[in-house]
């Protein structure tokens, strides 16, 4: 057994963007004081930026009080249409294995998301926000982390037990200090992004992706609806594209008019990006965790940037809280790297495949793209090969050291677009309405996010399970009978639960185990709180980015009872 902390402790979060904000609020929810630093003097609420928020991420934000408002204010869409020139190839919808109270996707500007998170932070006394604190060095030892900051009045240091670095793509200096590499590739083509306020009937509730439209021949256009009759339009443009010159010549107006016609419009925000595909080779270095774009950058086709960053935040927050509250061994933090690095590798593989289809890197890729798009107009099999971006979805921790494999419920691999895997260890538990004594309108994932949840079948001795669980671990545990919270049977059917089973749900609503004996239950609880992992004490060389594969990175672990 490794090191455990006494009750208490603090965390410094470096970077006050949405990933840092979410991390701070989730830590505060667990009772952990946070110092939140940002190099900027104040918030810069300009541009839509990361607009597309996925259902499971909204549920994370709901746990800190902003998910419902974001869903209500944002534009809901449940259909993603893909076109080749003027032919619609397919319309993707999304399957919910449970009955979530959130839509598949909501579009809302990053600025508004940050504003709502700021309001929650302002109401949280345990979060100390410090603007104008530029982290220049990160030092750590066996007892804590010291962040040295450049401020307007000189140099200051901030100390804490642990730190989470969520500084976005500006994390190169800190990564170098930690000995972390950030290998990958950059794409030659750029993307022009414009937020346009206009009245365009019929486009307000769906995502549209166009391959080779007549108004951007040889390249792509992506259109997203946003609140207040605003549309986000992304054009793929050549690497030498000059936005300023196009504005002066009137060509930008002509570009927009080719899409929207004579409709009146106003440009709310515009920018040009060159996209990158990079991942840190380590997301945990002793007491410092890297999250969000500081740890991984992907192209935006699929909306996997901020959505995966929020998943980093939740994974980091509950594990740091469990360690700092003395509920888990410090080795639990190594599983942050194991799980979230595997998720980053998956996202890199998915988005790189998309970019290779959008922007072919060789003659063979270009020929394949042309053949597929031409055939897809009439051939359903060819449509399955069209890659306009596999939209954000949770990562599946089926190979995590925290997961107890169930031979009866094995992961069948990445599902079809828009689908979710069957309930099994390593998969997010389907969300459904549940009924608890004295409460109404409760959701399963909401009650799961307060500790370890045990869902018990009618054929299980509750007293025996309760005694065994309380003796095994010191974490917050909630034990409920499935039949008592699932009067309609929807949840039981969604997970295909059997009467003699106990479902062990982690604090981030992932299924850790499905057991039918007390010994298996105790073993599963120990896996969560005392994971036996090969903790890496030095930073290894990064893998060849061209050989990154879609499968999750297998942790070198040895887990016993």
Protein backbone atom coordinates (compact mmCIF):
# COMPACT_ATOMS: atom_id res chain seq x y z
CA UNK A 1 0.00 0.00 0.00
CA UNK A 2 1.31 3.45 -0.91
CA UNK A 3 1.07 6.88 0.67
CA UNK A 4 -2.18 8.33 1.98
CA UNK A 5 -2.92 11.89 2.99
CA UNK A 6 -4.65 13.01 6.10
CA UNK A 7 -7.98 14.75 5.63
CA UNK A 8 -7.47 18.09 3.82
CA UNK A 9 -5.08 19.64 1.33
CA UNK A 10 -5.05 22.24 -1.44
CA UNK A 11 -4.72 22.39 -5.21
CA UNK A 12 -3.46 25.14 -7.52
CA UNK A 13 -5.11 25.28 -10.93
CA UNK A 14 -3.06 27.15 -13.55
CA UNK A 15 -5.28 28.51 -16.31
CA UNK A 16 -8.70 30.11 -15.89
CA UNK A 17 -10.25 28.89 -19.12
CA UNK A 18 -13.22 26.50 -19.16
CA UNK A 19 -11.12 23.43 -18.29
CA UNK A 20 -9.43 25.20 -15.38
CA UNK A 21 -12.73 26.68 -14.22
CA UNK A 22 -14.40 23.27 -14.31
CA UNK A 23 -11.51 21.66 -12.45
CA UNK A 24 -11.64 24.30 -9.72
CA UNK A 25 -15.41 24.01 -9.26
CA UNK A 26 -15.34 20.22 -9.16
CA UNK A 27 -12.55 20.25 -6.58
CA UNK A 28 -14.47 22.76 -4.48
CA UNK A 29 -17.51 20.49 -4.72
CA UNK A 30 -15.41 17.81 -3.03
CA UNK A 31 -14.37 20.25 -0.31
CA UNK A 32 -10.87 20.98 -1.64
CA UNK A 33 -9.65 24.64 -1.48
CA UNK A 34 -8.32 25.89 -4.83
CA UNK A 35 -6.13 28.76 -5.98
CA UNK A 36 -6.99 29.56 -9.61
CA UNK A 37 -4.30 31.47 -11.55
CA UNK A 38 -4.32 33.10 -14.97
CA UNK A 39 -1.67 35.16 -16.76
CA UNK A 40 -4.27 37.48 -18.31
CA UNK A 41 -5.37 40.64 -16.55
CA UNK A 42 -9.03 39.75 -17.10
CA UNK A 43 -11.40 37.60 -19.13
CA UNK A 44 -11.42 38.10 -22.93
CA UNK A 45 -15.06 37.33 -23.89
CA UNK A 46 -14.64 37.46 -27.68
CA UNK A 47 -15.65 34.91 -30.29
CA UNK A 48 -17.55 31.65 -30.28
CA UNK A 49 -14.40 29.47 -29.99
CA UNK A 50 -15.36 26.07 -28.53
CA UNK A 51 -19.12 26.05 -29.13
CA UNK A 52 -20.25 22.44 -29.30
CA UNK A 53 -20.99 20.84 -25.92
CA UNK A 54 -21.77 17.15 -25.79
CA UNK A 55 -24.52 15.60 -23.62
CA UNK A 56 -22.22 13.87 -21.11
CA UNK A 57 -20.22 17.07 -20.63
CA UNK A 58 -23.40 19.02 -19.90
CA UNK A 59 -24.07 16.47 -17.15
CA UNK A 60 -20.65 17.16 -15.63
CA UNK A 61 -21.41 20.88 -15.71
CA UNK A 62 -24.80 20.17 -14.18
CA UNK A 63 -23.00 18.79 -11.13
CA UNK A 64 -21.48 22.26 -10.58
CA UNK A 65 -24.65 24.16 -11.32
CA UNK A 66 -24.37 25.40 -14.92
CA UNK A 67 -25.33 22.47 -17.16
CA UNK A 68 -29.05 23.14 -17.22
CA UNK A 69 -28.63 26.84 -17.97
CA UNK A 70 -26.16 26.12 -20.77
CA UNK A 71 -28.60 23.62 -22.28
CA UNK A 72 -31.51 26.04 -21.99
CA UNK A 73 -29.64 29.01 -23.46
CA UNK A 74 -27.81 27.11 -26.19
CA UNK A 75 -29.06 25.83 -29.52
CA UNK A 76 -30.04 22.18 -29.31
CA UNK A 77 -29.34 19.96 -32.28
CA UNK A 78 -29.70 16.25 -32.76
CA UNK A 79 -28.91 15.90 -36.46
CA UNK A 80 -25.63 16.25 -38.34
CA UNK A 81 -26.07 16.46 -42.12
CA UNK A 82 -23.20 15.77 -44.52
CA UNK A 83 -23.23 16.85 -48.18
CA UNK A 84 -21.02 16.29 -51.22
CA UNK A 85 -21.47 19.37 -53.37
CA UNK A 86 -25.27 19.67 -53.56
CA UNK A 87 -26.05 16.01 -52.69
CA UNK A 88 -26.93 15.06 -49.11
CA UNK A 89 -24.99 11.90 -48.26
CA UNK A 90 -26.42 11.13 -44.83
CA UNK A 91 -27.99 12.63 -41.73
CA UNK A 92 -26.56 11.32 -38.47
CA UNK A 93 -28.74 11.14 -35.37
CA UNK A 94 -27.74 10.04 -31.87
CA UNK A 95 -28.81 7.10 -29.72
CA UNK A 96 -29.33 7.42 -25.97
CA UNK A 97 -29.32 4.07 -24.15
CA UNK A 98 -30.92 5.73 -21.15
CA UNK A 99 -33.21 8.73 -20.82
CA UNK A 100 -30.91 11.69 -20.41
CA UNK A 101 -32.39 15.06 -19.52
CA UNK A 102 -29.86 16.67 -21.87
CA UNK A 103 -29.86 16.75 -25.69
CA UNK A 104 -27.05 15.11 -27.70
CA UNK A 105 -25.36 18.45 -28.45
CA UNK A 106 -25.84 22.07 -27.52
CA UNK A 107 -24.15 24.97 -29.28
CA UNK A 108 -23.26 27.97 -27.15
CA UNK A 109 -20.25 30.28 -27.28
CA UNK A 110 -17.25 29.57 -25.10
CA UNK A 111 -17.54 33.13 -23.83
CA UNK A 112 -20.99 32.44 -22.37
CA UNK A 113 -19.83 29.14 -20.91
CA UNK A 114 -16.96 30.92 -19.18
CA UNK A 115 -19.29 33.64 -17.94
CA UNK A 116 -21.61 31.14 -16.26
CA UNK A 117 -18.66 29.25 -14.75
CA UNK A 118 -17.28 32.57 -13.46
CA UNK A 119 -20.58 33.24 -11.71
CA UNK A 120 -20.38 29.89 -9.93
CA UNK A 121 -16.76 30.49 -8.98
CA UNK A 122 -17.63 33.92 -7.55
CA UNK A 123 -20.21 32.22 -5.33
CA UNK A 124 -17.70 29.60 -4.12
CA UNK A 125 -15.66 30.86 -1.17
CA UNK A 126 -13.08 28.06 -1.36
CA UNK A 127 -11.79 29.20 -4.79
CA UNK A 128 -9.25 32.05 -4.74
CA UNK A 129 -9.07 33.58 -8.24
CA UNK A 130 -5.92 35.53 -9.14
CA UNK A 131 -5.74 37.30 -12.51
CA UNK A 132 -2.43 38.64 -13.75
CA UNK A 133 -0.47 35.70 -12.31
CA UNK A 134 1.75 34.34 -15.07
CA UNK A 135 3.26 31.01 -14.02
CA UNK A 136 6.96 31.10 -14.89
CA UNK A 137 8.16 27.98 -13.07
CA UNK A 138 6.80 24.89 -11.38
CA UNK A 139 8.82 23.24 -8.64
CA UNK A 140 7.80 20.24 -6.58
CA UNK A 141 9.07 17.91 -3.90
CA UNK A 142 7.65 15.09 -1.79
CA UNK A 143 5.35 17.40 0.13
CA UNK A 144 3.98 19.89 -2.39
CA UNK A 145 4.15 22.13 -5.45
CA UNK A 146 5.41 25.71 -5.69
CA UNK A 147 4.29 27.86 -8.61
CA UNK A 148 6.39 30.98 -9.19
CA UNK A 149 4.40 33.74 -10.89
CA UNK A 150 5.19 37.04 -12.57
CA UNK A 151 2.65 39.63 -11.44
CA UNK A 152 2.16 43.35 -11.91
CA UNK A 153 3.86 43.99 -8.59
CA UNK A 154 6.79 41.64 -9.01
CA UNK A 155 7.22 37.94 -8.35
CA UNK A 156 5.07 35.79 -6.08
CA UNK A 157 4.92 32.11 -5.20
CA UNK A 158 1.85 29.96 -4.67
CA UNK A 159 2.17 26.67 -2.79
CA UNK A 160 -0.22 23.73 -2.61
CA UNK A 161 -0.26 19.95 -2.30
CA UNK A 162 -0.93 19.38 -6.00
CA UNK A 163 -1.34 21.40 -9.19
CA UNK A 164 -3.40 21.05 -12.37
CA UNK A 165 -2.02 22.86 -15.42
CA UNK A 166 -4.81 23.86 -17.80
CA UNK A 167 -3.24 26.81 -19.62
CA UNK A 168 -4.50 25.78 -23.05
CA UNK A 169 -2.10 25.69 -25.97
CA UNK A 170 0.24 28.12 -24.16
CA UNK A 171 1.72 25.39 -21.98
CA UNK A 172 5.05 24.86 -23.76
CA UNK A 173 7.24 26.44 -21.05
CA UNK A 174 5.68 24.42 -18.23
CA UNK A 175 5.81 21.22 -20.26
CA UNK A 176 9.53 21.78 -20.89
CA UNK A 177 10.17 22.30 -17.18
CA UNK A 178 8.35 19.06 -16.42
CA UNK A 179 10.29 17.20 -19.11
CA UNK A 180 7.13 16.50 -21.10
CA UNK A 181 7.20 16.40 -24.90
CA UNK A 182 4.31 17.47 -27.13
CA UNK A 183 4.87 15.65 -30.37
CA UNK A 184 2.53 15.43 -33.31
CA UNK A 185 1.92 17.30 -36.52
CA UNK A 186 0.49 20.51 -37.93
CA UNK A 187 -1.67 20.80 -41.04
CA UNK A 188 -0.75 23.12 -43.91
CA UNK A 189 -4.26 24.28 -44.75
CA UNK A 190 -5.89 26.91 -42.57
CA UNK A 191 -9.49 27.37 -41.53
CA UNK A 192 -11.35 30.66 -41.68
CA UNK A 193 -14.00 31.01 -38.97
CA UNK A 194 -16.76 33.63 -38.98
CA UNK A 195 -19.61 34.09 -36.53
CA UNK A 196 -22.41 35.63 -38.60
CA UNK A 197 -25.64 37.09 -37.24
CA UNK A 198 -28.33 36.41 -39.85
CA UNK A 199 -31.81 34.98 -40.27
CA UNK A 200 -31.42 31.68 -42.15
CA UNK A 201 -34.62 29.58 -41.87
CA UNK A 202 -34.15 25.81 -41.76
CA UNK A 203 -30.59 25.87 -40.49
CA UNK A 204 -31.28 26.69 -36.85
CA UNK A 205 -31.27 23.18 -35.37
CA UNK A 206 -28.75 21.09 -37.30
CA UNK A 207 -25.05 20.87 -38.10
CA UNK A 208 -24.21 21.00 -41.83
CA UNK A 209 -20.96 19.78 -43.37
CA UNK A 210 -20.20 20.28 -47.07
CA UNK A 211 -17.52 18.50 -49.07
CA UNK A 212 -16.41 20.41 -52.16
CA UNK A 213 -19.37 22.82 -52.40
CA UNK A 214 -19.50 25.13 -55.40
CA UNK A 215 -18.83 28.05 -53.05
CA UNK A 216 -15.56 26.50 -51.77
CA UNK A 217 -14.42 24.14 -54.54
CA UNK A 218 -11.94 21.44 -53.61
CA UNK A 219 -12.30 22.12 -49.90
CA UNK A 220 -14.84 21.93 -47.06
CA UNK A 221 -17.33 24.15 -45.22
CA UNK A 222 -18.90 23.50 -41.82
CA UNK A 223 -21.95 25.41 -40.55
CA UNK A 224 -23.13 25.38 -36.92
CA UNK A 225 -26.19 27.19 -35.50
CA UNK A 226 -25.61 29.31 -32.39
CA UNK A 227 -27.92 31.31 -30.10
CA UNK A 228 -29.37 34.69 -31.10
CA UNK A 229 -29.69 33.83 -34.82
CA UNK A 230 -25.92 33.50 -35.16
CA UNK A 231 -24.19 30.93 -37.34
CA UNK A 232 -20.62 29.72 -37.07
CA UNK A 233 -19.16 29.05 -40.54
CA UNK A 234 -15.78 27.34 -41.00
CA UNK A 235 -14.11 27.37 -44.41
CA UNK A 236 -11.06 25.27 -45.21
CA UNK A 237 -8.68 27.67 -46.98
CA UNK A 238 -5.16 27.40 -48.44
CA UNK A 239 -2.17 27.79 -46.16
CA UNK A 240 -1.28 31.17 -47.70
CA UNK A 241 -4.78 32.59 -47.09
CA UNK A 242 -4.78 36.30 -46.11
CA UNK A 243 -7.92 37.40 -44.21
CA UNK A 244 -6.99 41.08 -44.18
CA UNK A 245 -6.50 41.14 -47.96
CA UNK A 246 -9.79 39.32 -48.54
CA UNK A 247 -11.64 41.83 -46.36
CA UNK A 248 -10.16 44.81 -48.20
CA UNK A 249 -10.97 43.41 -51.63
CA UNK A 250 -14.58 42.57 -50.77
CA UNK A 251 -13.90 38.87 -51.36
CA UNK A 252 -14.91 37.98 -47.77
CA UNK A 253 -18.36 39.46 -48.33
CA UNK A 254 -18.61 37.57 -51.61
CA UNK A 255 -17.55 34.35 -49.84
CA UNK A 256 -20.31 34.76 -47.27
CA UNK A 257 -22.92 35.74 -49.86
CA UNK A 258 -22.28 32.53 -51.79
CA UNK A 259 -23.67 30.67 -48.78
CA UNK A 260 -26.41 32.93 -47.42
CA UNK A 261 -27.45 34.85 -50.55
CA UNK A 262 -28.91 38.33 -50.19
CA UNK A 263 -29.80 37.87 -46.51
CA UNK A 264 -28.71 40.73 -44.28
CA UNK A 265 -25.86 39.72 -42.00
CA UNK A 266 -23.34 41.04 -39.53
CA UNK A 267 -19.93 39.52 -38.73
CA UNK A 268 -19.77 39.10 -34.96
CA UNK A 269 -16.27 37.57 -34.85
CA UNK A 270 -13.74 36.20 -37.32
CA UNK A 271 -10.40 34.43 -37.08
CA UNK A 272 -8.03 32.16 -38.97
CA UNK A 273 -6.52 29.01 -37.47
CA UNK A 274 -3.98 26.43 -38.47
CA UNK A 275 -4.90 23.19 -36.75
CA UNK A 276 -2.55 20.87 -34.92
CA UNK A 277 -2.63 17.30 -33.68
CA UNK A 278 -0.42 16.81 -30.62
CA UNK A 279 -0.43 14.92 -27.33
CA UNK A 280 1.81 15.10 -24.26
CA UNK A 281 3.69 11.90 -23.56
CA UNK A 282 2.90 12.30 -19.84
CA UNK A 283 -0.22 13.85 -18.30
CA UNK A 284 0.99 13.33 -14.74
CA UNK A 285 4.43 14.25 -13.49
CA UNK A 286 4.51 13.52 -9.75
CA UNK A 287 2.26 16.18 -8.16
CA UNK A 288 1.40 18.02 -11.38
CA UNK A 289 -1.39 16.99 -13.75
CA UNK A 290 -1.80 18.37 -17.30
CA UNK A 291 -5.34 18.87 -18.61
CA UNK A 292 -7.11 20.16 -21.70
CA UNK A 293 -5.12 21.74 -24.53
CA UNK A 294 -2.04 21.83 -22.31
CA UNK A 295 -2.02 18.04 -22.67
CA UNK A 296 -3.55 17.44 -26.10
CA UNK A 297 -4.60 19.46 -29.13
CA UNK A 298 -6.85 18.06 -31.85
CA UNK A 299 -8.52 19.49 -34.94
CA UNK A 300 -12.05 20.76 -34.23
CA UNK A 301 -13.90 18.44 -36.61
CA UNK A 302 -15.76 16.29 -34.11
CA UNK A 303 -15.82 18.82 -31.23
CA UNK A 304 -13.35 16.75 -29.20
CA UNK A 305 -11.30 19.63 -27.77
CA UNK A 306 -13.19 21.24 -24.89
CA UNK A 307 -15.37 18.16 -24.43
CA UNK A 308 -12.33 15.99 -23.73
CA UNK A 309 -10.85 18.76 -21.56
CA UNK A 310 -13.91 18.70 -19.30
CA UNK A 311 -13.52 14.92 -19.02
CA UNK A 312 -9.90 15.53 -17.95
CA UNK A 313 -11.16 17.96 -15.32
CA UNK A 314 -13.64 15.51 -13.80
CA UNK A 315 -11.16 12.64 -13.82
CA UNK A 316 -8.50 14.78 -12.13
CA UNK A 317 -10.85 16.36 -9.59
CA UNK A 318 -12.37 13.25 -8.03
CA UNK A 319 -9.02 11.47 -7.87
CA UNK A 320 -7.24 14.44 -6.29
CA UNK A 321 -10.12 14.79 -3.83
CA UNK A 322 -10.04 11.11 -2.89
CA UNK A 323 -6.30 11.27 -2.28
CA UNK A 324 -6.40 14.56 -0.36
CA UNK A 325 -9.33 13.46 1.80
CA UNK A 326 -7.47 10.28 2.72
CA UNK A 327 -9.98 8.04 0.96
CA UNK A 328 -7.55 6.58 -1.57
CA UNK A 329 -3.91 5.73 -2.04
CA UNK A 330 -1.78 8.26 -3.92
CA UNK A 331 -1.26 5.70 -6.67
CA UNK A 332 -4.79 6.58 -7.78
CA UNK A 333 -3.32 9.72 -9.39
CA UNK A 334 -1.25 7.63 -11.78
CA UNK A 335 -4.49 6.32 -13.24
CA UNK A 336 -5.29 9.90 -14.29
CA UNK A 337 -2.46 9.60 -16.81
CA UNK A 338 -3.38 6.02 -17.71
CA UNK A 339 -7.00 6.84 -18.47
CA UNK A 340 -6.83 10.35 -19.90
CA UNK A 341 -3.72 9.75 -22.00
CA UNK A 342 -5.49 6.78 -23.56
CA UNK A 343 -8.45 9.07 -24.24
CA UNK A 344 -6.15 11.66 -25.83
CA UNK A 345 -4.56 9.00 -28.05
CA UNK A 346 -8.04 7.91 -29.15
CA UNK A 347 -9.00 11.49 -29.99
CA UNK A 348 -5.76 12.04 -31.90
CA UNK A 349 -6.36 8.90 -33.93
CA UNK A 350 -9.99 9.80 -34.71
CA UNK A 351 -9.35 13.43 -35.62
CA UNK A 352 -6.18 12.68 -37.58
CA UNK A 353 -8.12 10.20 -39.71
CA UNK A 354 -10.71 12.93 -40.30
CA UNK A 355 -8.08 15.48 -41.29
CA UNK A 356 -6.42 13.00 -43.64
CA UNK A 357 -9.78 12.58 -45.35
CA UNK A 358 -10.46 16.33 -45.43
CA UNK A 359 -6.91 17.32 -46.38
CA UNK A 360 -5.30 14.29 -48.11
CA UNK A 361 -1.59 13.96 -47.39
CA UNK A 362 -0.72 11.82 -50.41
CA UNK A 363 -1.93 11.01 -53.91
CA UNK A 364 -3.38 7.71 -52.68
CA UNK A 365 -5.35 9.48 -49.94
CA UNK A 366 -6.58 12.07 -52.41
CA UNK A 367 -7.71 9.41 -54.88
CA UNK A 368 -9.44 7.45 -52.10
CA UNK A 369 -11.29 10.57 -50.96
CA UNK A 370 -12.52 11.40 -54.46
CA UNK A 371 -13.62 7.81 -55.11
CA UNK A 372 -15.49 7.54 -51.80
CA UNK A 373 -17.30 10.88 -52.16
CA UNK A 374 -18.32 10.16 -55.74
CA UNK A 375 -19.62 6.69 -54.88
CA UNK A 376 -21.35 7.83 -51.69
CA UNK A 377 -23.99 9.77 -53.62
CA UNK A 378 -25.64 6.44 -54.56
CA UNK A 379 -23.83 3.73 -52.55
CA UNK A 380 -24.73 3.31 -48.83
CA UNK A 381 -21.58 1.26 -48.21
CA UNK A 382 -19.41 4.09 -49.52
CA UNK A 383 -21.23 6.55 -47.22
CA UNK A 384 -19.89 4.67 -44.20
CA UNK A 385 -16.36 5.60 -45.34
CA UNK A 386 -17.10 9.34 -45.55
CA UNK A 387 -15.30 11.04 -42.66
CA UNK A 388 -16.71 14.48 -41.85
CA UNK A 389 -15.67 14.15 -38.21
CA UNK A 390 -16.76 11.54 -35.68
CA UNK A 391 -18.51 13.70 -33.12
CA UNK A 392 -17.40 13.86 -29.48
CA UNK A 393 -18.21 10.92 -27.26
CA UNK A 394 -16.95 9.74 -23.88
CA UNK A 395 -13.85 7.58 -23.73
CA UNK A 396 -14.35 4.02 -22.51
CA UNK A 397 -12.06 2.94 -19.66
CA UNK A 398 -12.34 -0.75 -20.43
CA UNK A 399 -8.58 -1.33 -20.01
CA UNK A 400 -8.12 0.85 -16.94
CA UNK A 401 -6.60 -0.61 -13.77
CA UNK A 402 -9.73 0.65 -11.98
CA UNK A 403 -12.01 -1.53 -14.11
CA UNK A 404 -12.95 -5.10 -13.19
CA UNK A 405 -13.63 -6.97 -16.40
CA UNK A 406 -16.89 -8.91 -16.61
CA UNK A 407 -16.62 -11.86 -19.04
CA UNK A 408 -20.38 -11.63 -19.63
CA UNK A 409 -20.18 -7.97 -20.62
CA UNK A 410 -17.16 -7.46 -22.82
CA UNK A 411 -16.59 -4.24 -24.76
CA UNK A 412 -17.37 -4.86 -28.43
CA UNK A 413 -15.18 -2.02 -29.71
CA UNK A 414 -15.93 1.43 -31.01
CA UNK A 415 -19.64 1.58 -31.90
CA UNK A 416 -21.22 3.03 -35.02
CA UNK A 417 -21.34 6.81 -35.32
CA UNK A 418 -23.94 8.29 -33.01
CA UNK A 419 -24.27 5.13 -30.90
CA UNK A 420 -23.08 4.27 -27.40
CA UNK A 421 -21.74 0.93 -26.15
CA UNK A 422 -23.84 -1.45 -24.08
CA UNK A 423 -23.51 -0.97 -20.33
CA UNK A 424 -20.41 -2.76 -19.06
CA UNK A 425 -17.39 -2.13 -16.82
CA UNK A 426 -15.43 0.84 -18.18
CA UNK A 427 -18.52 2.44 -19.80
CA UNK A 428 -20.47 5.45 -18.52
CA UNK A 429 -23.63 4.18 -16.86
CA UNK A 430 -26.74 5.16 -18.87
CA UNK A 431 -28.49 8.12 -17.31
CA UNK A 432 -32.14 7.74 -16.34
CA UNK A 433 -34.58 9.42 -14.00
CA UNK A 434 -34.60 7.73 -10.57
CA UNK A 435 -36.73 8.10 -7.48
CA UNK A 436 -35.14 8.47 -4.05
CA UNK A 437 -36.98 8.78 -0.78
CA UNK A 438 -37.62 12.45 -0.05
CA UNK A 439 -36.47 13.73 -3.46
CA UNK A 440 -37.98 14.19 -6.88
CA UNK A 441 -36.60 14.67 -10.37
CA UNK A 442 -33.31 12.97 -9.55
CA UNK A 443 -31.02 11.49 -12.20
CA UNK A 444 -28.87 8.39 -11.80
CA UNK A 445 -25.62 10.12 -12.76
CA UNK A 446 -26.38 12.90 -10.31
CA UNK A 447 -26.52 10.54 -7.33
CA UNK A 448 -23.48 8.68 -8.66
CA UNK A 449 -21.32 11.80 -8.50
CA UNK A 450 -21.25 11.93 -4.70
CA UNK A 451 -18.95 8.99 -4.04
CA UNK A 452 -19.06 5.31 -4.94
CA UNK A 453 -22.56 4.12 -5.82
CA UNK A 454 -23.63 0.49 -5.36
CA UNK A 455 -26.72 -0.52 -7.33
CA UNK A 456 -28.02 -3.72 -5.75
CA UNK A 457 -30.36 -6.28 -7.26
CA UNK A 458 -33.32 -7.75 -5.37
CA UNK A 459 -31.55 -11.08 -4.92
CA UNK A 460 -28.66 -9.54 -2.96
CA UNK A 461 -28.28 -9.43 0.85
CA UNK A 462 -28.06 -5.66 1.36
CA UNK A 463 -26.80 -5.85 4.94
CA UNK A 464 -23.95 -8.17 3.96
CA UNK A 465 -22.95 -5.96 1.03
CA UNK A 466 -23.11 -2.80 3.15
CA UNK A 467 -20.93 -4.29 5.89
CA UNK A 468 -18.37 -5.58 3.42
CA UNK A 469 -18.17 -2.26 1.55
CA UNK A 470 -17.80 -0.16 4.70
CA UNK A 471 -15.07 -2.46 5.97
CA UNK A 472 -13.22 -2.42 2.64
CA UNK A 473 -12.94 1.33 1.97
CA UNK A 474 -13.34 4.68 3.68
CA UNK A 475 -14.88 6.57 0.77
CA UNK A 476 -18.39 7.99 0.67
CA UNK A 477 -20.65 5.11 -0.41
CA UNK A 478 -24.31 5.09 -1.34
CA UNK A 479 -26.08 1.74 -1.58
CA UNK A 480 -29.51 1.56 -3.22
CA UNK A 481 -31.71 -1.22 -4.46
CA UNK A 482 -32.36 -0.98 -8.17
CA UNK A 483 -36.02 -1.80 -7.74
CA UNK A 484 -36.49 1.02 -5.21
CA UNK A 485 -35.13 3.77 -7.44
CA UNK A 486 -36.27 2.32 -10.78
CA UNK A 487 -40.04 1.99 -10.49
CA UNK A 488 -40.50 2.00 -14.28
CA UNK A 489 -37.81 -0.59 -14.99
CA UNK A 490 -36.08 1.71 -17.51
CA UNK A 491 -32.72 1.66 -15.70
CA UNK A 492 -32.77 -2.10 -15.12
CA UNK A 493 -33.44 -2.65 -18.81
CA UNK A 494 -30.85 -0.08 -19.89
CA UNK A 495 -28.04 -1.88 -18.04
CA UNK A 496 -29.56 -5.38 -18.38
CA UNK A 497 -29.18 -5.93 -14.63
CA UNK A 498 -29.71 -9.36 -13.05
CA UNK A 499 -31.28 -9.88 -9.60
CA UNK A 500 -28.10 -11.20 -7.95
CA UNK A 501 -25.75 -8.45 -9.17
CA UNK A 502 -24.12 -5.41 -7.58
CA UNK A 503 -23.16 -2.61 -9.97
CA UNK A 504 -20.21 -0.54 -8.74
CA UNK A 505 -20.31 3.02 -10.12
CA UNK A 506 -17.32 5.37 -9.83
CA UNK A 507 -17.65 9.03 -8.75
CA UNK A 508 -17.52 10.09 -12.43
CA UNK A 509 -20.49 7.79 -13.24
CA UNK A 510 -18.37 5.15 -14.99
CA UNK A 511 -19.17 1.52 -14.26
CA UNK A 512 -16.21 0.04 -12.38
CA UNK A 513 -17.52 -3.51 -11.90
CA UNK A 514 -20.52 -5.82 -11.98
CA UNK A 515 -20.20 -8.45 -9.26
CA UNK A 516 -22.24 -11.22 -7.70
CA UNK A 517 -20.05 -12.15 -4.71
CA UNK A 518 -18.81 -10.24 -1.68
CA UNK A 519 -15.17 -11.10 -2.46
CA UNK A 520 -15.49 -9.66 -5.98
CA UNK A 521 -17.10 -6.53 -4.58
CA UNK A 522 -14.27 -5.96 -2.10
CA UNK A 523 -11.70 -6.56 -4.84
CA UNK A 524 -13.45 -4.03 -7.12
CA UNK A 525 -13.53 -1.39 -4.36
CA UNK A 526 -9.84 -1.92 -3.67
CA UNK A 527 -9.07 -1.45 -7.35
CA UNK A 528 -10.64 2.02 -7.17
CA UNK A 529 -8.98 3.18 -3.95
CA UNK A 530 -5.71 1.26 -3.95
CA UNK A 531 -4.88 0.61 -7.61
CA UNK A 532 -1.72 -1.34 -8.27
CA UNK A 533 -0.11 0.47 -11.18
CA UNK A 534 3.33 0.75 -12.68
CA UNK A 535 3.96 4.33 -11.56
CA UNK A 536 6.38 6.01 -13.98
CA UNK A 537 8.95 8.06 -12.10
CA UNK A 538 10.76 9.39 -15.18
CA UNK A 539 9.25 10.80 -18.35
CA UNK A 540 9.66 8.37 -21.27
CA UNK A 541 10.24 9.38 -24.86
CA UNK A 542 7.10 10.15 -26.84
CA UNK A 543 5.88 7.53 -29.33
CA UNK A 544 6.06 8.14 -33.04
CA UNK A 545 2.89 10.22 -33.66
CA UNK A 546 2.37 8.61 -37.05
CA UNK A 547 1.95 5.26 -35.33
CA UNK A 548 -0.63 6.38 -32.82
CA UNK A 549 -3.49 3.90 -32.93
CA UNK A 550 -7.13 4.20 -32.01
CA UNK A 551 -7.02 1.52 -29.33
CA UNK A 552 -6.60 2.63 -25.73
CA UNK A 553 -3.08 2.50 -24.39
CA UNK A 554 -2.72 -0.60 -22.27
CA UNK A 555 -1.38 0.21 -18.81
CA UNK A 556 1.31 -2.11 -17.55
CA UNK A 557 -0.45 -3.15 -14.39
CA UNK A 558 -0.67 -6.03 -12.04
CA UNK A 559 -3.83 -6.06 -9.99
CA UNK A 560 -4.49 -8.47 -7.20
CA UNK A 561 -7.66 -8.99 -5.16
